[in-house]
Amino acid sequence: MNWPVAIAGAIALLFVSVGAIEYMTAGGSDDKVERAKSTMRNALVGLVIVLLSYFIIRNFVTLTFSIKK
């Protein structure tokens, strides 16, 4: 695994954890619950974007330049 992908995973885990803590401490406030859900959703979407871009670029370079793994 590449170190940028590992860093992105750690950052996503951090933001999902922050969102989960916000969710648990929302106290029933609709605004706080929605903000917490948004934080967790955005962290996961960002991680998916990073992973997809990594795999697309890796496969493109491998296929284009015939680099063996």
PDB file of N, CA and C in Angstrom:
ATOM      1  N   MET A   1       0.851  -1.178   0.000  1.00  0.00           N
ATOM      2  CA  MET A   1       0.000   0.000   0.000  1.00  0.00           C
ATOM      3  C   MET A   1       0.893   1.235   0.000  1.00  0.00           C
ATOM      4  N   ASN A   2       0.462   2.207  -0.726  1.00  0.00           N
ATOM      5  CA  ASN A   2       1.194   3.455  -0.836  1.00  0.00           C
ATOM      6  C   ASN A   2       0.956   4.331   0.384  1.00  0.00           C
ATOM      7  N   TRP A   3       1.949   5.100   0.790  1.00  0.00           N
ATOM      8  CA  TRP A   3       1.793   5.913   1.992  1.00  0.00           C
ATOM      9  C   TRP A   3       0.749   7.012   1.843  1.00  0.00           C
ATOM     10  N   PRO A   4       0.526   7.632   0.669  1.00  0.00           N
ATOM     11  CA  PRO A   4      -0.547   8.635   0.589  1.00  0.00           C
ATOM     12  C   PRO A   4      -1.936   8.023   0.825  1.00  0.00           C
ATOM     13  N   VAL A   5      -2.121   6.799   0.367  1.00  0.00           N
ATOM     14  CA  VAL A   5      -3.404   6.131   0.583  1.00  0.00           C
ATOM     15  C   VAL A   5      -3.583   5.815   2.069  1.00  0.00           C
ATOM     16  N   ALA A   6      -2.512   5.419   2.733  1.00  0.00           N
ATOM     17  CA  ALA A   6      -2.579   5.145   4.167  1.00  0.00           C
ATOM     18  C   ALA A   6      -2.882   6.418   4.948  1.00  0.00           C
ATOM     19  N   ILE A   7      -2.290   7.526   4.557  1.00  0.00           N
ATOM     20  CA  ILE A   7      -2.571   8.802   5.218  1.00  0.00           C
ATOM     21  C   ILE A   7      -4.015   9.211   4.994  1.00  0.00           C
ATOM     22  N   ALA A   8      -4.520   9.037   3.766  1.00  0.00           N
ATOM     23  CA  ALA A   8      -5.916   9.367   3.481  1.00  0.00           C
ATOM     24  C   ALA A   8      -6.854   8.501   4.311  1.00  0.00           C
ATOM     25  N   GLY A   9      -6.517   7.234   4.482  1.00  0.00           N
ATOM     26  CA  GLY A   9      -7.329   6.347   5.316  1.00  0.00           C
ATOM     27  C   GLY A   9      -7.335   6.780   6.768  1.00  0.00           C
ATOM     28  N   ALA A  10      -6.188   7.207   7.269  1.00  0.00           N
ATOM     29  CA  ALA A  10      -6.103   7.671   8.659  1.00  0.00           C
ATOM     30  C   ALA A  10      -6.903   8.949   8.861  1.00  0.00           C
ATOM     31  N   ILE A  11      -6.830   9.850   7.900  1.00  0.00           N
ATOM     32  CA  ILE A  11      -7.599  11.095   7.993  1.00  0.00           C
ATOM     33  C   ILE A  11      -9.093  10.805   7.929  1.00  0.00           C
ATOM     34  N   ALA A  12      -9.488   9.894   7.042  1.00  0.00           N
ATOM     35  CA  ALA A  12     -10.905   9.526   6.947  1.00  0.00           C
ATOM     36  C   ALA A  12     -11.384   8.888   8.251  1.00  0.00           C
ATOM     37  N   LEU A  13     -10.569   8.028   8.830  1.00  0.00           N
ATOM     38  CA  LEU A  13     -10.927   7.419  10.112  1.00  0.00           C
ATOM     39  C   LEU A  13     -11.081   8.478  11.197  1.00  0.00           C
ATOM     40  N   LEU A  14     -10.195   9.453  11.199  1.00  0.00           N
ATOM     41  CA  LEU A  14     -10.282  10.549  12.161  1.00  0.00           C
ATOM     42  C   LEU A  14     -11.600  11.303  12.019  1.00  0.00           C
ATOM     43  N   PHE A  15     -11.969  11.656  10.786  1.00  0.00           N
ATOM     44  CA  PHE A  15     -13.190  12.419  10.578  1.00  0.00           C
ATOM     45  C   PHE A  15     -14.447  11.591  10.838  1.00  0.00           C
ATOM     46  N   VAL A  16     -14.406  10.307  10.534  1.00  0.00           N
ATOM     47  CA  VAL A  16     -15.555   9.453  10.871  1.00  0.00           C
ATOM     48  C   VAL A  16     -15.698   9.368  12.384  1.00  0.00           C
ATOM     49  N   SER A  17     -14.588   9.284  13.089  1.00  0.00           N
ATOM     50  CA  SER A  17     -14.631   9.248  14.556  1.00  0.00           C
ATOM     51  C   SER A  17     -15.167  10.561  15.126  1.00  0.00           C
ATOM     52  N   VAL A  18     -14.728  11.674  14.575  1.00  0.00           N
ATOM     53  CA  VAL A  18     -15.221  12.974  15.026  1.00  0.00           C
ATOM     54  C   VAL A  18     -16.727  13.073  14.775  1.00  0.00           C
ATOM     55  N   GLY A  19     -17.164  12.637  13.602  1.00  0.00           N
ATOM     56  CA  GLY A  19     -18.593  12.653  13.300  1.00  0.00           C
ATOM     57  C   GLY A  19     -19.392  11.755  14.226  1.00  0.00           C
ATOM     58  N   ALA A  20     -18.829  10.602  14.575  1.00  0.00           N
ATOM     59  CA  ALA A  20     -19.519   9.679  15.483  1.00  0.00           C
ATOM     60  C   ALA A  20     -19.639  10.282  16.880  1.00  0.00           C
ATOM     61  N   ILE A  21     -18.580  10.942  17.335  1.00  0.00           N
ATOM     62  CA  ILE A  21     -18.635  11.585  18.651  1.00  0.00           C
ATOM     63  C   ILE A  21     -19.653  12.722  18.635  1.00  0.00           C
ATOM     64  N   GLU A  22     -19.665  13.508  17.552  1.00  0.00           N
ATOM     65  CA  GLU A  22     -20.658  14.579  17.428  1.00  0.00           C
ATOM     66  C   GLU A  22     -22.074  14.007  17.429  1.00  0.00           C
ATOM     67  N   TYR A  23     -22.241  12.881  16.767  1.00  0.00           N
ATOM     68  CA  TYR A  23     -23.558  12.238  16.705  1.00  0.00           C
ATOM     69  C   TYR A  23     -24.010  11.779  18.091  1.00  0.00           C
ATOM     70  N   MET A  24     -23.089  11.185  18.831  1.00  0.00           N
ATOM     71  CA  MET A  24     -23.439  10.675  20.166  1.00  0.00           C
ATOM     72  C   MET A  24     -23.716  11.805  21.159  1.00  0.00           C
ATOM     73  N   THR A  25     -23.087  12.955  20.961  1.00  0.00           N
ATOM     74  CA  THR A  25     -23.265  14.065  21.895  1.00  0.00           C
ATOM     75  C   THR A  25     -24.247  15.110  21.375  1.00  0.00           C
ATOM     76  N   ALA A  26     -24.981  14.789  20.315  1.00  0.00           N
ATOM     77  CA  ALA A  26     -25.907  15.757  19.726  1.00  0.00           C
ATOM     78  C   ALA A  26     -27.078  16.082  20.651  1.00  0.00           C
ATOM     79  N   GLY A  27     -27.444  15.181  21.483  1.00  0.00           N
ATOM     80  CA  GLY A  27     -28.527  15.431  22.425  1.00  0.00           C
ATOM     81  C   GLY A  27     -29.881  15.624  21.764  1.00  0.00           C
ATOM     82  N   GLY A  28     -30.082  15.036  20.612  1.00  0.00           N
ATOM     83  CA  GLY A  28     -31.369  15.107  19.936  1.00  0.00           C
ATOM     84  C   GLY A  28     -31.551  16.334  19.064  1.00  0.00           C
ATOM     85  N   SER A  29     -30.571  17.218  19.017  1.00  0.00           N
ATOM     86  CA  SER A  29     -30.657  18.411  18.181  1.00  0.00           C
ATOM     87  C   SER A  29     -30.532  18.011  16.709  1.00  0.00           C
ATOM     88  N   ASP A  30     -31.559  18.356  15.955  1.00  0.00           N
ATOM     89  CA  ASP A  30     -31.565  17.962  14.539  1.00  0.00           C
ATOM     90  C   ASP A  30     -30.391  18.555  13.768  1.00  0.00           C
ATOM     91  N   ASP A  31     -30.030  19.797  14.059  1.00  0.00           N
ATOM     92  CA  ASP A  31     -28.900  20.422  13.371  1.00  0.00           C
ATOM     93  C   ASP A  31     -27.591  19.690  13.641  1.00  0.00           C
ATOM     94  N   LYS A  32     -27.366  19.348  14.901  1.00  0.00           N
ATOM     95  CA  LYS A  32     -26.120  18.668  15.264  1.00  0.00           C
ATOM     96  C   LYS A  32     -26.070  17.251  14.698  1.00  0.00           C
ATOM     97  N   VAL A  33     -27.210  16.568  14.691  1.00  0.00           N
ATOM     98  CA  VAL A  33     -27.255  15.217  14.128  1.00  0.00           C
ATOM     99  C   VAL A  33     -26.965  15.266  12.631  1.00  0.00           C
ATOM    100  N   GLU A  34     -27.563  16.206  11.937  1.00  0.00           N
ATOM    101  CA  GLU A  34     -27.335  16.326  10.489  1.00  0.00           C
ATOM    102  C   GLU A  34     -25.887  16.701  10.190  1.00  0.00           C
ATOM    103  N   ARG A  35     -25.311  17.569  11.005  1.00  0.00           N
ATOM    104  CA  ARG A  35     -23.908  17.957  10.818  1.00  0.00           C
ATOM    105  C   ARG A  35     -22.987  16.755  11.035  1.00  0.00           C
ATOM    106  N   ALA A  36     -23.285  15.941  12.040  1.00  0.00           N
ATOM    107  CA  ALA A  36     -22.471  14.757  12.310  1.00  0.00           C
ATOM    108  C   ALA A  36     -22.577  13.755  11.163  1.00  0.00           C
ATOM    109  N   LYS A  37     -23.787  13.535  10.685  1.00  0.00           N
ATOM    110  CA  LYS A  37     -23.969  12.617   9.549  1.00  0.00           C
ATOM    111  C   LYS A  37     -23.235  13.125   8.320  1.00  0.00           C
ATOM    112  N   SER A  38     -23.294  14.411   8.105  1.00  0.00           N
ATOM    113  CA  SER A  38     -22.611  15.012   6.960  1.00  0.00           C
ATOM    114  C   SER A  38     -21.097  14.839   7.070  1.00  0.00           C
ATOM    115  N   THR A  39     -20.564  15.003   8.268  1.00  0.00           N
ATOM    116  CA  THR A  39     -19.125  14.823   8.478  1.00  0.00           C
ATOM    117  C   THR A  39     -18.709  13.396   8.148  1.00  0.00           C
ATOM    118  N   MET A  40     -19.461  12.428   8.639  1.00  0.00           N
ATOM    119  CA  MET A  40     -19.120  11.025   8.376  1.00  0.00           C
ATOM    120  C   MET A  40     -19.279  10.684   6.900  1.00  0.00           C
ATOM    121  N   ARG A  41     -20.350  11.156   6.292  1.00  0.00           N
ATOM    122  CA  ARG A  41     -20.596  10.885   4.868  1.00  0.00           C
ATOM    123  C   ARG A  41     -19.495  11.491   4.006  1.00  0.00           C
ATOM    124  N   ASN A  42     -19.129  12.733   4.291  1.00  0.00           N
ATOM    125  CA  ASN A  42     -18.086  13.396   3.500  1.00  0.00           C
ATOM    126  C   ASN A  42     -16.734  12.707   3.659  1.00  0.00           C
ATOM    127  N   ALA A  43     -16.436  12.221   4.841  1.00  0.00           N
ATOM    128  CA  ALA A  43     -15.176  11.503   5.057  1.00  0.00           C
ATOM    129  C   ALA A  43     -15.140  10.225   4.229  1.00  0.00           C
ATOM    130  N   LEU A  44     -16.238   9.503   4.207  1.00  0.00           N
ATOM    131  CA  LEU A  44     -16.275   8.247   3.448  1.00  0.00           C
ATOM    132  C   LEU A  44     -16.245   8.506   1.944  1.00  0.00           C
ATOM    133  N   VAL A  45     -16.953   9.539   1.488  1.00  0.00           N
ATOM    134  CA  VAL A  45     -16.920   9.876   0.058  1.00  0.00           C
ATOM    135  C   VAL A  45     -15.516  10.297  -0.349  1.00  0.00           C
ATOM    136  N   GLY A  46     -14.854  11.084   0.480  1.00  0.00           N
ATOM    137  CA  GLY A  46     -13.477  11.490   0.189  1.00  0.00           C
ATOM    138  C   GLY A  46     -12.541  10.304   0.109  1.00  0.00           C
ATOM    139  N   LEU A  47     -12.707   9.353   1.016  1.00  0.00           N
ATOM    140  CA  LEU A  47     -11.869   8.146   0.990  1.00  0.00           C
ATOM    141  C   LEU A  47     -12.121   7.337  -0.272  1.00  0.00           C
ATOM    142  N   VAL A  48     -13.359   7.205  -0.669  1.00  0.00           N
ATOM    143  CA  VAL A  48     -13.690   6.470  -1.901  1.00  0.00           C
ATOM    144  C   VAL A  48     -13.061   7.162  -3.104  1.00  0.00           C
ATOM    145  N   ILE A  49     -13.117   8.486  -3.150  1.00  0.00           N
ATOM    146  CA  ILE A  49     -12.510   9.225  -4.260  1.00  0.00           C
ATOM    147  C   ILE A  49     -11.004   9.002  -4.308  1.00  0.00           C
ATOM    148  N   VAL A  50     -10.350   9.055  -3.150  1.00  0.00           N
ATOM    149  CA  VAL A  50      -8.902   8.836  -3.102  1.00  0.00           C
ATOM    150  C   VAL A  50      -8.557   7.423  -3.562  1.00  0.00           C
ATOM    151  N   LEU A  51      -9.290   6.429  -3.065  1.00  0.00           N
ATOM    152  CA  LEU A  51      -9.002   5.038  -3.446  1.00  0.00           C
ATOM    153  C   LEU A  51      -9.249   4.796  -4.929  1.00  0.00           C
ATOM    154  N   LEU A  52     -10.353   5.301  -5.448  1.00  0.00           N
ATOM    155  CA  LEU A  52     -10.640   5.119  -6.877  1.00  0.00           C
ATOM    156  C   LEU A  52      -9.589   5.802  -7.745  1.00  0.00           C
ATOM    157  N   SER A  53      -9.198   7.008  -7.379  1.00  0.00           N
ATOM    158  CA  SER A  53      -8.191   7.704  -8.182  1.00  0.00           C
ATOM    159  C   SER A  53      -6.853   6.973  -8.131  1.00  0.00           C
ATOM    160  N   TYR A  54      -6.509   6.434  -6.959  1.00  0.00           N
ATOM    161  CA  TYR A  54      -5.259   5.670  -6.840  1.00  0.00           C
ATOM    162  C   TYR A  54      -5.280   4.444  -7.755  1.00  0.00           C
ATOM    163  N   PHE A  55      -6.374   3.677  -7.709  1.00  0.00           N
ATOM    164  CA  PHE A  55      -6.438   2.463  -8.522  1.00  0.00           C
ATOM    165  C   PHE A  55      -6.532   2.779 -10.015  1.00  0.00           C
ATOM    166  N   ILE A  56      -7.241   3.836 -10.378  1.00  0.00           N
ATOM    167  CA  ILE A  56      -7.337   4.213 -11.792  1.00  0.00           C
ATOM    168  C   ILE A  56      -5.978   4.637 -12.317  1.00  0.00           C
ATOM    169  N   ILE A  57      -5.285   5.485 -11.577  1.00  0.00           N
ATOM    170  CA  ILE A  57      -3.968   5.950 -12.018  1.00  0.00           C
ATOM    171  C   ILE A  57      -2.972   4.801 -12.062  1.00  0.00           C
ATOM    172  N   ARG A  58      -2.987   3.938 -11.036  1.00  0.00           N
ATOM    173  CA  ARG A  58      -2.056   2.808 -11.007  1.00  0.00           C
ATOM    174  C   ARG A  58      -2.288   1.889 -12.206  1.00  0.00           C
ATOM    175  N   ASN A  59      -3.554   1.585 -12.500  1.00  0.00           N
ATOM    176  CA  ASN A  59      -3.852   0.710 -13.632  1.00  0.00           C
ATOM    177  C   ASN A  59      -3.541   1.388 -14.956  1.00  0.00           C
ATOM    178  N   PHE A  60      -3.780   2.679 -15.069  1.00  0.00           N
ATOM    179  CA  PHE A  60      -3.480   3.408 -16.298  1.00  0.00           C
ATOM    180  C   PHE A  60      -1.982   3.386 -16.577  1.00  0.00           C
ATOM    181  N   VAL A  61      -1.187   3.664 -15.566  1.00  0.00           N
ATOM    182  CA  VAL A  61       0.269   3.672 -15.746  1.00  0.00           C
ATOM    183  C   VAL A  61       0.767   2.273 -16.077  1.00  0.00           C
ATOM    184  N   THR A  62       0.241   1.285 -15.368  1.00  0.00           N
ATOM    185  CA  THR A  62       0.663  -0.097 -15.605  1.00  0.00           C
ATOM    186  C   THR A  62       0.330  -0.542 -17.020  1.00  0.00           C
ATOM    187  N   LEU A  63      -0.881  -0.242 -17.483  1.00  0.00           N
ATOM    188  CA  LEU A  63      -1.292  -0.670 -18.820  1.00  0.00           C
ATOM    189  C   LEU A  63      -0.628   0.166 -19.910  1.00  0.00           C
ATOM    190  N   THR A  64      -0.456   1.440 -19.672  1.00  0.00           N
ATOM    191  CA  THR A  64       0.123   2.323 -20.690  1.00  0.00           C
ATOM    192  C   THR A  64       1.603   2.055 -20.907  1.00  0.00           C
ATOM    193  N   PHE A  65       2.333   1.896 -19.827  1.00  0.00           N
ATOM    194  CA  PHE A  65       3.769   1.753 -19.936  1.00  0.00           C
ATOM    195  C   PHE A  65       4.247   0.316 -19.729  1.00  0.00           C
ATOM    196  N   SER A  66       3.321  -0.605 -19.643  1.00  0.00           N
ATOM    197  CA  SER A  66       3.617  -2.026 -19.472  1.00  0.00           C
ATOM    198  C   SER A  66       4.612  -2.288 -18.352  1.00  0.00           C
ATOM    199  N   ILE A  67       4.371  -1.645 -17.236  1.00  0.00           N
ATOM    200  CA  ILE A  67       5.226  -1.826 -16.065  1.00  0.00           C
ATOM    201  C   ILE A  67       4.747  -3.037 -15.310  1.00  0.00           C
ATOM    202  N   LYS A  68       5.650  -3.943 -15.034  1.00  0.00           N
ATOM    203  CA  LYS A  68       5.304  -5.138 -14.274  1.00  0.00           C
ATOM    204  C   LYS A  68       5.333  -4.825 -12.794  1.00  0.00           C
ATOM    205  N   LYS A  69       4.419  -5.443 -12.050  1.00  0.00           N
ATOM    206  CA  LYS A  69       4.382  -5.227 -10.597  1.00  0.00           C
ATOM    207  C   LYS A  69       5.438  -6.045  -9.914  1.00  0.00           C
TER     208      LYS A  69
END
